[in-house]
Amino acid sequence: MTTANINGYSMHYIDQGKGTAILFIHPPVLTSLNFTYQIQGLSPHYRTIAFDIRGHGESQPSKKTVTYPLIVEDIKQLMDRLSIDKFFLCGYSTGGSIVLEFLLTHPDRAWGGIVIGGMSEVNEWRLRNKISLGVAFSKIGAVGTIAFSNAWAQAKDLSLFRELFNDAKKGNARNAEQYYQYSLKYNCTSRLREIHLPVLLVYGDKDKHFHPYAKMLHQRLPKSEQVFVKKVDHRIPTKASEPLNELIKQFVHRSL
């Protein structure tokens, strides 16, 4: 685990393994630790990097408003620091939207993207309500409550729950609120056809509310593959880590 000054703030990140680089992007309040099983499973084969977004986990709170373009610039500067020219981006949930934003902004820096339960816009009432609840709890400073709920939902065992919860509860409420707020208004659907890099779309077969997002992305992205992981809902990185890791390996191999 390493800390470096990136784009004006102290960023905490994990950097393990050698070879083709894959960078992982987490949703609000959760942290880089949500990709524990991906780092463990993929670092023997690839260079795996995960970072805490501004005001999340061990990363310093941000004076600037947290937006997707700002996070994209943070990612670019981190990879410049690590002397990595091209890499794969893998984003979970709202992290998937940041993958799309990066591919639109810096296509020359990426080999492709992996979107896990992601979206190009939030247009469904259940998801809007869930994110709005995150905004409301963040506004009153109740990051610990969100952290507990998220960690409990994601963890497969008590050990991982403690790690996820202890890391997530360190989050800055204002920055978490900004991340939630931006996800409500972000919309790159009309620009998806501009992304000509390969994109792997991974969704849980039980995650029915996200299936329309999967269909939308698959129809509009020129070079996309779509996979539904059996017997799992939205919590793919922790609840279906082995099939996810295998899908990532196969996709990276095909895309290079």
Protein backbone atom coordinates (compact mmCIF):
# COMPACT_ATOMS: atom_id res chain seq x y z
CA MET A 1 0.00 0.00 0.00
CA THR A 2 1.40 3.35 -1.07
CA THR A 3 0.58 7.03 -0.72
CA ALA A 4 1.57 9.68 -3.26
CA ASN A 5 0.68 13.27 -4.04
CA ILE A 6 -1.45 13.03 -7.17
CA ASN A 7 -3.15 16.04 -8.76
CA GLY A 8 -3.08 18.07 -5.54
CA TYR A 9 -4.11 15.46 -2.97
CA SER A 10 -2.58 12.55 -1.09
CA MET A 11 -3.82 9.42 -2.87
CA HIS A 12 -3.69 5.95 -1.31
CA TYR A 13 -3.25 3.13 -3.80
CA ILE A 14 -2.34 -0.54 -4.12
CA ASP A 15 0.10 -1.66 -6.81
CA GLN A 16 0.87 -5.37 -7.10
CA GLY A 17 2.18 -7.70 -9.78
CA LYS A 18 3.90 -7.18 -13.11
CA GLY A 19 2.92 -7.05 -16.76
CA THR A 20 -0.19 -5.60 -18.39
CA ALA A 21 -1.79 -3.12 -15.98
CA ILE A 22 -5.40 -3.25 -14.80
CA LEU A 23 -6.74 -0.38 -12.70
CA PHE A 24 -9.85 -0.81 -10.51
CA ILE A 25 -12.37 1.93 -9.63
CA HIS A 26 -14.74 1.70 -6.65
CA PRO A 27 -18.23 3.22 -6.03
CA PRO A 28 -19.03 5.83 -3.30
CA VAL A 29 -17.97 5.13 0.32
CA LEU A 30 -16.45 1.75 -0.55
CA THR A 31 -12.67 1.75 -1.17
CA SER A 32 -9.91 -0.03 -3.04
CA LEU A 33 -10.29 -2.93 -0.58
CA ASN A 34 -13.50 -3.91 -2.35
CA PHE A 35 -11.20 -5.38 -5.03
CA THR A 36 -9.23 -7.52 -2.55
CA TYR A 37 -10.08 -10.74 -4.40
CA GLN A 38 -9.19 -9.24 -7.79
CA ILE A 39 -5.80 -8.02 -6.50
CA GLN A 40 -5.11 -11.44 -4.97
CA GLY A 41 -6.33 -13.44 -7.94
CA LEU A 42 -4.99 -11.36 -10.81
CA SER A 43 -1.68 -9.95 -9.52
CA PRO A 44 0.19 -13.21 -10.29
CA HIS A 45 -0.67 -12.58 -13.96
CA TYR A 46 -0.98 -8.79 -14.31
CA ARG A 47 -0.01 -5.52 -12.67
CA THR A 48 -3.08 -4.76 -10.56
CA ILE A 49 -3.73 -1.25 -9.26
CA ALA A 50 -6.57 0.00 -7.08
CA PHE A 51 -6.85 3.44 -5.49
CA ASP A 52 -9.01 5.28 -2.99
CA ILE A 53 -10.92 8.11 -4.66
CA ARG A 54 -10.55 11.55 -3.06
CA GLY A 55 -12.04 11.61 0.43
CA HIS A 56 -12.46 7.83 0.53
CA GLY A 57 -10.61 5.31 2.68
CA GLU A 58 -7.00 6.33 3.26
CA SER A 59 -6.99 9.08 0.61
CA GLN A 60 -6.98 12.73 1.67
CA PRO A 61 -10.27 14.66 1.53
CA SER A 62 -10.62 16.83 -1.55
CA LYS A 63 -10.95 20.60 -1.53
CA LYS A 64 -12.15 20.36 -5.13
CA THR A 65 -15.64 19.03 -5.84
CA VAL A 66 -15.46 15.32 -6.66
CA THR A 67 -16.61 14.74 -10.25
CA TYR A 68 -15.96 12.04 -12.81
CA PRO A 69 -13.71 14.28 -14.96
CA LEU A 70 -11.63 15.07 -11.85
CA ILE A 71 -11.32 11.36 -10.98
CA VAL A 72 -10.35 10.64 -14.60
CA GLU A 73 -7.57 13.23 -14.37
CA ASP A 74 -6.43 11.70 -11.05
CA ILE A 75 -6.23 8.28 -12.74
CA LYS A 76 -4.26 9.68 -15.67
CA GLN A 77 -1.78 11.39 -13.35
CA LEU A 78 -1.40 8.25 -11.22
CA MET A 79 -0.59 6.18 -14.29
CA ASP A 80 1.85 8.86 -15.46
CA ARG A 81 3.53 8.63 -12.05
CA LEU A 82 3.75 4.85 -12.40
CA SER A 83 5.11 5.19 -15.98
CA ILE A 84 2.21 3.16 -17.39
CA ASP A 85 1.25 4.31 -20.87
CA LYS A 86 -1.69 2.00 -21.61
CA PHE A 87 -3.84 -0.08 -19.29
CA PHE A 88 -7.23 -1.68 -18.78
CA LEU A 89 -9.76 0.04 -16.54
CA CYS A 90 -12.20 -1.97 -14.45
CA GLY A 91 -15.01 -0.14 -12.67
CA TYR A 92 -17.67 -1.46 -10.35
CA SER A 93 -21.16 0.12 -10.25
CA THR A 94 -20.65 3.92 -10.56
CA GLY A 95 -16.98 3.09 -11.10
CA GLY A 96 -18.15 1.68 -14.43
CA SER A 97 -19.36 5.14 -15.44
CA ILE A 98 -15.86 6.47 -14.71
CA VAL A 99 -14.43 3.77 -16.99
CA LEU A 100 -16.67 5.06 -19.79
CA GLU A 101 -15.69 8.68 -19.07
CA PHE A 102 -12.00 7.77 -19.20
CA LEU A 103 -12.41 5.88 -22.50
CA LEU A 104 -14.16 8.93 -23.96
CA THR A 105 -11.56 11.38 -22.64
CA HIS A 106 -8.28 9.48 -23.04
CA PRO A 107 -8.82 6.63 -25.53
CA ASP A 108 -5.12 6.70 -26.40
CA ARG A 109 -4.22 5.65 -22.84
CA ALA A 110 -6.37 2.52 -22.59
CA TRP A 111 -6.42 -0.97 -24.05
CA GLY A 112 -10.07 -1.33 -23.10
CA GLY A 113 -12.55 -1.30 -20.24
CA ILE A 114 -14.39 -3.68 -17.93
CA VAL A 115 -17.73 -2.47 -16.56
CA ILE A 116 -19.13 -4.48 -13.64
CA GLY A 117 -22.78 -3.71 -12.94
CA GLY A 118 -22.31 -0.25 -14.42
CA MET A 119 -24.31 2.35 -16.29
CA SER A 120 -23.97 5.31 -18.65
CA GLU A 121 -26.76 7.20 -16.85
CA VAL A 122 -29.03 6.69 -13.84
CA ASN A 123 -32.50 6.51 -15.36
CA GLU A 124 -34.28 3.95 -13.16
CA TRP A 125 -36.18 4.98 -10.04
CA ARG A 126 -34.89 2.26 -7.72
CA LEU A 127 -31.27 3.15 -8.38
CA ARG A 128 -32.01 6.87 -8.19
CA ASN A 129 -33.65 6.33 -4.79
CA LYS A 130 -30.72 4.28 -3.53
CA ILE A 131 -28.20 6.92 -4.60
CA SER A 132 -30.40 9.70 -3.21
CA LEU A 133 -30.39 7.87 0.12
CA GLY A 134 -26.58 7.92 -0.03
CA VAL A 135 -26.74 11.68 -0.62
CA ALA A 136 -29.07 12.16 2.35
CA PHE A 137 -26.94 10.11 4.77
CA SER A 138 -23.76 11.84 3.57
CA LYS A 139 -25.33 15.26 4.11
CA ILE A 140 -25.87 14.50 7.78
CA GLY A 141 -22.39 13.04 8.13
CA ALA A 142 -23.57 9.46 8.53
CA VAL A 143 -20.80 7.89 6.44
CA GLY A 144 -20.36 5.21 9.11
CA THR A 145 -23.93 4.04 8.57
CA ILE A 146 -23.40 3.76 4.81
CA ALA A 147 -20.04 2.07 5.40
CA PHE A 148 -21.61 -0.53 7.69
CA SER A 149 -24.43 -1.29 5.26
CA ASN A 150 -22.14 -1.50 2.22
CA ALA A 151 -19.47 -3.56 3.95
CA TRP A 152 -22.03 -6.00 5.37
CA ALA A 153 -23.63 -6.43 1.94
CA GLN A 154 -20.31 -6.96 0.13
CA ALA A 155 -18.42 -9.20 2.56
CA LYS A 156 -18.35 -12.97 2.32
CA ASP A 157 -17.05 -13.36 5.87
CA LEU A 158 -16.53 -11.39 9.07
CA SER A 159 -12.85 -10.80 8.40
CA LEU A 160 -13.53 -9.04 5.09
CA PHE A 161 -16.49 -7.20 6.63
CA ARG A 162 -14.23 -5.69 9.31
CA GLU A 163 -11.64 -4.65 6.72
CA LEU A 164 -14.19 -3.09 4.39
CA PHE A 165 -16.09 -1.35 7.20
CA ASN A 166 -13.01 0.04 8.98
CA ASP A 167 -11.69 1.42 5.69
CA ALA A 168 -15.01 2.78 4.38
CA LYS A 169 -15.97 4.59 7.61
CA LYS A 170 -12.90 6.83 7.22
CA GLY A 171 -14.56 8.49 4.23
CA ASN A 172 -15.19 12.22 4.09
CA ALA A 173 -18.95 12.89 4.13
CA ARG A 174 -18.78 15.92 1.85
CA ASN A 175 -16.74 14.11 -0.80
CA ALA A 176 -18.99 11.05 -0.61
CA GLU A 177 -22.02 13.29 -1.14
CA GLN A 178 -20.33 14.90 -4.15
CA TYR A 179 -19.58 11.50 -5.68
CA TYR A 180 -23.18 10.39 -5.16
CA GLN A 181 -24.56 13.67 -6.53
CA TYR A 182 -22.44 13.56 -9.66
CA SER A 183 -23.53 9.99 -10.40
CA LEU A 184 -27.17 11.15 -10.44
CA LYS A 185 -26.56 13.73 -13.14
CA TYR A 186 -23.91 11.97 -15.23
CA ASN A 187 -25.04 10.86 -18.69
CA CYS A 188 -22.77 9.72 -21.51
CA THR A 189 -25.33 7.50 -23.28
CA SER A 190 -25.42 9.66 -26.42
CA ARG A 191 -21.63 9.37 -26.72
CA LEU A 192 -21.22 5.62 -26.29
CA ARG A 193 -20.80 5.08 -30.03
CA GLU A 194 -17.62 7.16 -29.82
CA ILE A 195 -15.92 4.45 -27.75
CA HIS A 196 -14.16 2.13 -30.20
CA LEU A 197 -12.09 0.25 -27.65
CA PRO A 198 -13.20 -3.20 -26.46
CA VAL A 199 -15.46 -3.16 -23.41
CA LEU A 200 -16.47 -6.16 -21.31
CA LEU A 201 -19.87 -5.80 -19.63
CA VAL A 202 -20.36 -8.02 -16.57
CA TYR A 203 -23.69 -8.22 -14.70
CA GLY A 204 -25.23 -10.60 -12.20
CA ASP A 205 -28.11 -12.67 -13.56
CA LYS A 206 -30.03 -11.88 -10.35
CA ASP A 207 -29.38 -8.13 -10.70
CA LYS A 208 -32.56 -7.61 -12.75
CA HIS A 209 -32.81 -3.84 -12.22
CA PHE A 210 -29.44 -3.42 -13.93
CA HIS A 211 -30.21 -5.58 -16.95
CA PRO A 212 -31.67 -2.62 -18.92
CA TYR A 213 -28.33 -0.80 -18.41
CA ALA A 214 -26.51 -3.88 -19.68
CA LYS A 215 -28.72 -3.97 -22.77
CA MET A 216 -28.29 -0.23 -23.42
CA LEU A 217 -24.51 -0.39 -23.21
CA HIS A 218 -24.25 -3.55 -25.28
CA GLN A 219 -26.40 -2.08 -28.05
CA ARG A 220 -24.54 1.23 -28.23
CA LEU A 221 -20.90 0.34 -27.60
CA PRO A 222 -19.37 -0.68 -30.96
CA LYS A 223 -17.00 -3.30 -29.50
CA SER A 224 -18.69 -4.72 -26.41
CA GLU A 225 -19.08 -8.19 -24.96
CA GLN A 226 -21.83 -8.96 -22.45
CA VAL A 227 -21.74 -11.65 -19.75
CA PHE A 228 -24.29 -12.45 -17.04
CA VAL A 229 -22.73 -14.25 -14.08
CA LYS A 230 -25.01 -16.96 -12.72
CA LYS A 231 -26.39 -17.03 -9.18
CA VAL A 232 -25.20 -13.55 -8.18
CA ASP A 233 -26.71 -10.08 -7.88
CA HIS A 234 -24.90 -6.72 -7.98
CA ARG A 235 -22.06 -7.70 -5.62
CA ILE A 236 -19.89 -9.45 -8.18
CA PRO A 237 -16.33 -8.46 -7.10
CA THR A 238 -16.71 -10.12 -3.69
CA LYS A 239 -19.55 -12.60 -4.16
CA ALA A 240 -18.42 -14.01 -7.54
CA SER A 241 -14.72 -13.20 -7.54
CA GLU A 242 -13.50 -16.39 -9.20
CA PRO A 243 -15.73 -16.25 -12.30
CA LEU A 244 -15.13 -12.50 -12.53
CA ASN A 245 -11.36 -12.91 -12.40
CA GLU A 246 -11.51 -15.58 -15.09
CA LEU A 247 -13.65 -13.33 -17.31
CA ILE A 248 -11.14 -10.49 -16.87
CA LYS A 249 -8.22 -12.77 -17.77
CA GLN A 250 -9.95 -14.03 -20.91
CA PHE A 251 -10.95 -10.50 -21.96
CA VAL A 252 -7.44 -9.08 -21.48
CA HIS A 253 -5.96 -11.97 -23.44
CA ARG A 254 -8.41 -11.43 -26.34
CA SER A 255 -7.99 -7.65 -26.38
CA LEU A 256 -4.20 -7.41 -26.60
